[in-house]
C-alpha atoms as a PDB file:
ATOM      1  CA  MET A   1     -77.767 -67.986  41.546  1.00  0.00           C
ATOM      2  CA  ASP A   2     -74.820 -68.221  43.294  1.00  0.00           C
ATOM      3  CA  ARG A   3     -72.025 -65.732  41.388  1.00  0.00           C
ATOM      4  CA  LYS A   4     -69.345 -68.780  40.611  1.00  0.00           C
ATOM      5  CA  LYS A   5     -72.214 -70.380  38.327  1.00  0.00           C
ATOM      6  CA  LEU A   6     -73.042 -67.173  36.772  1.00  0.00           C
ATOM      7  CA  THR A   7     -69.087 -66.745  36.333  1.00  0.00           C
ATOM      8  CA  THR A   8     -69.374 -69.655  34.903  1.00  0.00           C
ATOM      9  CA  ILE A   9     -71.616 -69.401  32.775  1.00  0.00           C
ATOM     10  CA  ILE A  10     -70.760 -65.943  31.355  1.00  0.00           C
ATOM     11  CA  LEU A  11     -67.843 -67.489  30.251  1.00  0.00           C
ATOM     12  CA  ILE A  12     -68.997 -70.387  27.940  1.00  0.00           C
ATOM     13  CA  ALA A  13     -71.430 -68.056  26.843  1.00  0.00           C
ATOM     14  CA  PHE A  14     -68.583 -65.339  25.779  1.00  0.00           C
ATOM     15  CA  ALA A  15     -66.433 -68.783  24.771  1.00  0.00           C
ATOM     16  CA  VAL A  16     -68.614 -69.402  22.522  1.00  0.00           C
ATOM     17  CA  VAL A  17     -69.510 -66.727  20.640  1.00  0.00           C
ATOM     18  CA  VAL A  18     -65.423 -66.204  20.274  1.00  0.00           C
ATOM     19  CA  VAL A  19     -65.224 -69.094  18.408  1.00  0.00           C
ATOM     20  CA  PHE A  20     -68.215 -68.803  15.805  1.00  0.00           C
ATOM     21  CA  VAL A  21     -66.623 -65.385  15.443  1.00  0.00           C
ATOM     22  CA  ILE A  22     -63.523 -67.236  14.303  1.00  0.00           C
ATOM     23  CA  GLY A  23     -65.000 -69.707  12.332  1.00  0.00           C
ATOM     24  CA  ALA A  24     -67.331 -66.793  10.538  1.00  0.00           C
ATOM     25  CA  PHE A  25     -63.916 -65.113   9.541  1.00  0.00           C
ATOM     26  CA  THR A  26     -62.568 -68.170   9.125  1.00  0.00           C
ATOM     27  CA  VAL A  27     -64.835 -69.132   6.371  1.00  0.00           C
ATOM     28  CA  HIS A  28     -65.265 -65.432   5.116  1.00  0.00           C
ATOM     29  CA  LEU A  29     -61.144 -65.900   4.017  1.00  0.00           C
ATOM     30  CA  PHE A  30     -61.169 -68.501   2.203  1.00  0.00           C
ATOM     31  CA  THR A  31     -64.142 -68.440   0.835  1.00  0.00           C
ATOM     32  CA  ASN A  32     -64.092 -65.243  -1.149  1.00  0.00           C
ATOM     33  CA  SER A  33     -61.217 -65.024  -2.264  1.00  0.00           C
ATOM     34  CA  LYS A  34     -57.510 -65.893  -2.535  1.00  0.00           C
ATOM     35  CA  THR A  35     -54.241 -63.405  -1.956  1.00  0.00           C
ATOM     36  CA  TYR A  36     -50.758 -63.643  -2.729  1.00  0.00           C
ATOM     37  CA  LYS A  37     -47.833 -61.638  -2.154  1.00  0.00           C
ATOM     38  CA  CYS A  38     -44.847 -61.273  -4.638  1.00  0.00           C
ATOM     39  CA  TYR A  39     -41.711 -62.215  -3.499  1.00  0.00           C
ATOM     40  CA  HIS A  40     -39.319 -62.137  -6.572  1.00  0.00           C
ATOM     41  CA  TYR A  41     -40.506 -60.028  -9.732  1.00  0.00           C
ATOM     42  CA  GLU A  42     -37.570 -59.458 -12.485  1.00  0.00           C
ATOM     43  CA  GLU A  43     -37.123 -58.393 -15.670  1.00  0.00           C
ATOM     44  CA  ALA A  44     -34.510 -59.396 -18.627  1.00  0.00           C
ATOM     45  CA  PHE A  45     -34.333 -56.611 -21.598  1.00  0.00           C
ATOM     46  CA  SER A  46     -32.823 -57.082 -25.138  1.00  0.00           C
ATOM     47  CA  TYR A  47     -32.715 -55.866 -27.550  1.00  0.00           C
ATOM     48  CA  ALA A  48     -31.850 -57.681 -31.307  1.00  0.00           C
ATOM     49  CA  ASN A  49     -28.455 -56.214 -31.610  1.00  0.00           C
ATOM     50  CA  GLU A  50     -27.143 -56.956 -28.186  1.00  0.00           C
ATOM     51  CA  ASP A  51     -26.189 -60.035 -27.187  1.00  0.00           C
ATOM     52  CA  ASP A  52     -26.511 -59.667 -23.375  1.00  0.00           C
ATOM     53  CA  ALA A  53     -29.742 -59.418 -21.311  1.00  0.00           C
ATOM     54  CA  GLN A  54     -30.118 -56.635 -19.220  1.00  0.00           C
ATOM     55  CA  ILE A  55     -31.851 -57.639 -15.780  1.00  0.00           C
ATOM     56  CA  VAL A  56     -33.878 -55.650 -13.399  1.00  0.00           C
ATOM     57  CA  ASP A  57     -34.769 -57.033 -10.434  1.00  0.00           C
ATOM     58  CA  HIS A  58     -38.374 -54.492  -9.280  1.00  0.00           C
ATOM     59  CA  ILE A  59     -39.180 -56.308  -5.641  1.00  0.00           C
ATOM     60  CA  PRO A  60     -36.680 -53.188  -4.055  1.00  0.00           C
ATOM     61  CA  ASN A  61     -39.362 -50.488  -5.644  1.00  0.00           C
ATOM     62  CA  TYR A  62     -42.231 -51.974  -4.082  1.00  0.00           C
ATOM     63  CA  LYS A  63     -43.381 -51.838  -0.170  1.00  0.00           C
ATOM     64  CA  TYR A  64     -45.634 -54.614  -1.929  1.00  0.00           C
ATOM     65  CA  LEU A  65     -46.928 -56.024  -4.782  1.00  0.00           C
ATOM     66  CA  LYS A  66     -50.547 -57.908  -3.665  1.00  0.00           C
ATOM     67  CA  LEU A  67     -52.558 -60.604  -6.280  1.00  0.00           C
ATOM     68  CA  GLU A  68     -55.832 -61.107  -5.083  1.00  0.00           C
ATOM     69  CA  LEU A  69     -57.755 -64.012  -6.949  1.00  0.00           C
ATOM     70  CA  LYS A  70     -62.150 -63.853  -6.441  1.00  0.00           C
ATOM     71  CA  LYS A  71     -64.073 -66.062  -6.789  1.00  0.00           C
ATOM     72  CA  ASP A  72     -66.109 -64.450  -9.632  1.00  0.00           C
ATOM     73  CA  LYS A  73     -63.232 -65.230 -12.018  1.00  0.00           C
ATOM     74  CA  THR A  74     -61.643 -61.533 -11.517  1.00  0.00           C
ATOM     75  CA  PHE A  75     -58.257 -60.411  -9.797  1.00  0.00           C
ATOM     76  CA  LYS A  76     -57.078 -56.966  -8.880  1.00  0.00           C
ATOM     77  CA  MET A  77     -53.629 -56.336  -8.433  1.00  0.00           C
ATOM     78  CA  LYS A  78     -52.032 -53.984  -5.632  1.00  0.00           C
ATOM     79  CA  LEU A  79     -49.158 -52.386  -6.422  1.00  0.00           C
ATOM     80  CA  ALA A  80     -47.755 -50.214  -3.772  1.00  0.00           C
ATOM     81  CA  VAL A  81     -44.201 -47.617  -4.826  1.00  0.00           C
ATOM     82  CA  LYS A  82     -41.188 -47.127  -2.706  1.00  0.00           C
ATOM     83  CA  ASP A  83     -41.370 -43.997  -3.380  1.00  0.00           C
ATOM     84  CA  GLY A  84     -44.518 -42.596  -2.109  1.00  0.00           C
ATOM     85  CA  SER A  85     -46.470 -42.799  -5.433  1.00  0.00           C
ATOM     86  CA  GLY A  86     -49.132 -44.267  -4.369  1.00  0.00           C
ATOM     87  CA  VAL A  87     -50.551 -47.578  -5.165  1.00  0.00           C
ATOM     88  CA  THR A  88     -51.423 -49.105  -8.769  1.00  0.00           C
ATOM     89  CA  GLU A  89     -54.230 -51.536  -9.269  1.00  0.00           C
ATOM     90  CA  ILE A  90     -54.490 -53.156 -12.137  1.00  0.00           C
ATOM     91  CA  VAL A  91     -57.689 -55.420 -12.485  1.00  0.00           C
ATOM     92  CA  GLY A  92     -59.217 -58.135 -15.582  1.00  0.00           C
ATOM     93  CA  THR A  93     -60.718 -61.626 -14.962  1.00  0.00           C
ATOM     94  CA  TYR A  94     -58.855 -64.489 -15.206  1.00  0.00           C
ATOM     95  CA  SER A  95     -59.586 -68.265 -15.965  1.00  0.00           C
ATOM     96  CA  ASP A  96     -58.240 -71.342 -13.705  1.00  0.00           C
ATOM     97  CA  LYS A  97     -57.238 -75.112 -15.650  1.00  0.00           C
ATOM     98  CA  ASN A  98     -55.422 -77.531 -13.821  1.00  0.00           C
ATOM     99  CA  ASP A  99     -52.781 -75.930 -12.308  1.00  0.00           C
ATOM    100  CA  LYS A 100     -52.677 -72.869 -14.734  1.00  0.00           C
ATOM    101  CA  ILE A 101     -53.921 -69.459 -14.118  1.00  0.00           C
ATOM    102  CA  THR A 102     -54.181 -67.339 -16.797  1.00  0.00           C
ATOM    103  CA  LEU A 103     -54.462 -63.430 -15.853  1.00  0.00           C
ATOM    104  CA  ASN A 104     -56.220 -61.519 -18.935  1.00  0.00           C
ATOM    105  CA  PHE A 105     -55.680 -57.473 -18.379  1.00  0.00           C
ATOM    106  CA  VAL A 106     -58.024 -54.352 -18.566  1.00  0.00           C
ATOM    107  CA  GLY A 107     -56.489 -52.169 -20.309  1.00  0.00           C
ATOM    108  CA  GLN A 108     -52.881 -51.887 -20.356  1.00  0.00           C
ATOM    109  CA  HIS A 109     -50.513 -50.994 -17.892  1.00  0.00           C
ATOM    110  CA  VAL A 110     -47.100 -49.516 -17.353  1.00  0.00           C
ATOM    111  CA  GLU A 111     -45.866 -52.263 -15.458  1.00  0.00           C
ATOM    112  CA  PHE A 112     -46.900 -55.394 -18.345  1.00  0.00           C
ATOM    113  CA  GLN A 113     -47.335 -52.995 -21.454  1.00  0.00           C
ATOM    114  CA  PHE A 114     -45.831 -55.955 -23.107  1.00  0.00           C
ATOM    115  CA  PHE A 115     -47.649 -58.417 -22.090  1.00  0.00           C
ATOM    116  CA  ASP A 116     -51.935 -59.055 -22.538  1.00  0.00           C
ATOM    117  CA  SER A 117     -52.028 -61.633 -20.039  1.00  0.00           C
ATOM    118  CA  LEU A 118     -49.763 -63.246 -18.234  1.00  0.00           C
ATOM    119  CA  GLU A 119     -49.876 -67.649 -17.805  1.00  0.00           C
ATOM    120  CA  PHE A 120     -49.082 -68.399 -13.871  1.00  0.00           C
ATOM    121  CA  THR A 121     -48.102 -72.396 -13.463  1.00  0.00           C
ATOM    122  CA  ARG A 122     -49.585 -73.097  -9.643  1.00  0.00           C
ATOM    123  CA  ALA A 123     -46.930 -74.611  -6.937  1.00  0.00           C
ATOM    124  CA  GLY A 124     -48.258 -75.319  -3.784  1.00  0.00           C
ATOM    125  CA  ARG A 125     -48.887 -72.792  -2.129  1.00  0.00           C
ATOM    126  CA  GLU A 126     -46.919 -70.656  -4.808  1.00  0.00           C
ATOM    127  CA  LEU A 127     -47.534 -68.607  -8.290  1.00  0.00           C
ATOM    128  CA  ARG A 128     -45.267 -69.391 -10.589  1.00  0.00           C
ATOM    129  CA  CYS A 129     -45.111 -66.859 -14.188  1.00  0.00           C
ATOM    130  CA  ARG A 130     -41.710 -66.574 -16.258  1.00  0.00           C
ATOM    131  CA  GLN A 131     -42.979 -65.552 -19.984  1.00  0.00           C
ATOM    132  CA  THR A 132     -41.223 -63.468 -22.534  1.00  0.00           C
ATOM    133  CA  ALA A 133     -42.887 -61.184 -25.481  1.00  0.00           C
ATOM    134  CA  THR A 134     -40.692 -59.746 -28.378  1.00  0.00           C
ATOM    135  CA  LYS A 135     -42.124 -55.843 -29.797  1.00  0.00           C
ATOM    136  CA  THR A 136     -40.667 -53.587 -32.251  1.00  0.00           C
ATOM    137  CA  ILE A 137     -40.821 -50.048 -30.482  1.00  0.00           C
ATOM    138  CA  GLY A 138     -39.211 -47.515 -33.239  1.00  0.00           C
ATOM    139  CA  ASP A 139     -36.366 -49.569 -35.152  1.00  0.00           C
ATOM    140  CA  THR A 140     -35.532 -51.428 -32.562  1.00  0.00           C
ATOM    141  CA  GLU A 141     -36.966 -55.194 -31.808  1.00  0.00           C
ATOM    142  CA  VAL A 142     -37.481 -55.335 -28.038  1.00  0.00           C
ATOM    143  CA  THR A 143     -37.690 -58.646 -25.977  1.00  0.00           C
ATOM    144  CA  ILE A 144     -38.535 -59.381 -22.673  1.00  0.00           C
ATOM    145  CA  THR A 145     -38.730 -61.831 -20.140  1.00  0.00           C
ATOM    146  CA  ILE A 146     -40.855 -61.304 -16.323  1.00  0.00           C
ATOM    147  CA  THR A 147     -40.010 -63.400 -13.458  1.00  0.00           C
ATOM    148  CA  LEU A 148     -42.608 -63.459 -10.936  1.00  0.00           C
ATOM    149  CA  LYS A 149     -43.511 -65.651  -8.004  1.00  0.00           C
ATOM    150  CA  PHE A 150     -45.936 -64.974  -5.143  1.00  0.00           C
ATOM    151  CA  LYS A 151     -46.803 -67.212  -1.718  1.00  0.00           C
ATOM    152  CA  LYS A 152     -50.458 -67.455  -1.245  1.00  0.00           C
ATOM    153  CA  THR A 153     -51.377 -65.469   2.243  1.00  0.00           C
ATOM    154  CA  ILE A 154     -54.105 -65.305   4.912  1.00  0.00           C
ATOM    155  CA  PHE A 155     -54.784 -61.233   4.288  1.00  0.00           C
END
């Protein structure tokens, strides 16, 4: 066998292996979980005796906020604060009905302490949540409205 034919066979074999690996990786990504990255995270606080709400934009405080929805109906949300205090992981289960996804938290978390669950609406490649809760803390009634928007990512 001459050198040119051997080189051609090796290149074809290499190309087949590369295509197989890329295909397997792609199938793995799309079958095991869906990952979303938060691009809007805002909270509005209001107190019973005040008319104006205090709005807090949390996005500048985070390196990232990611949500991973797994095939087994569990989720993992990772939040990394810019001040270097580490990564917080929030876990739980979710239900997916039509274009609504409901996250049910396991345990209580500072980030979402007013909510036992969050309901998202699917809009194309995005998940959007706007939810309000009211709690009494001491003698003060506090109402919080949370707005979250996530965009689907590959990783």
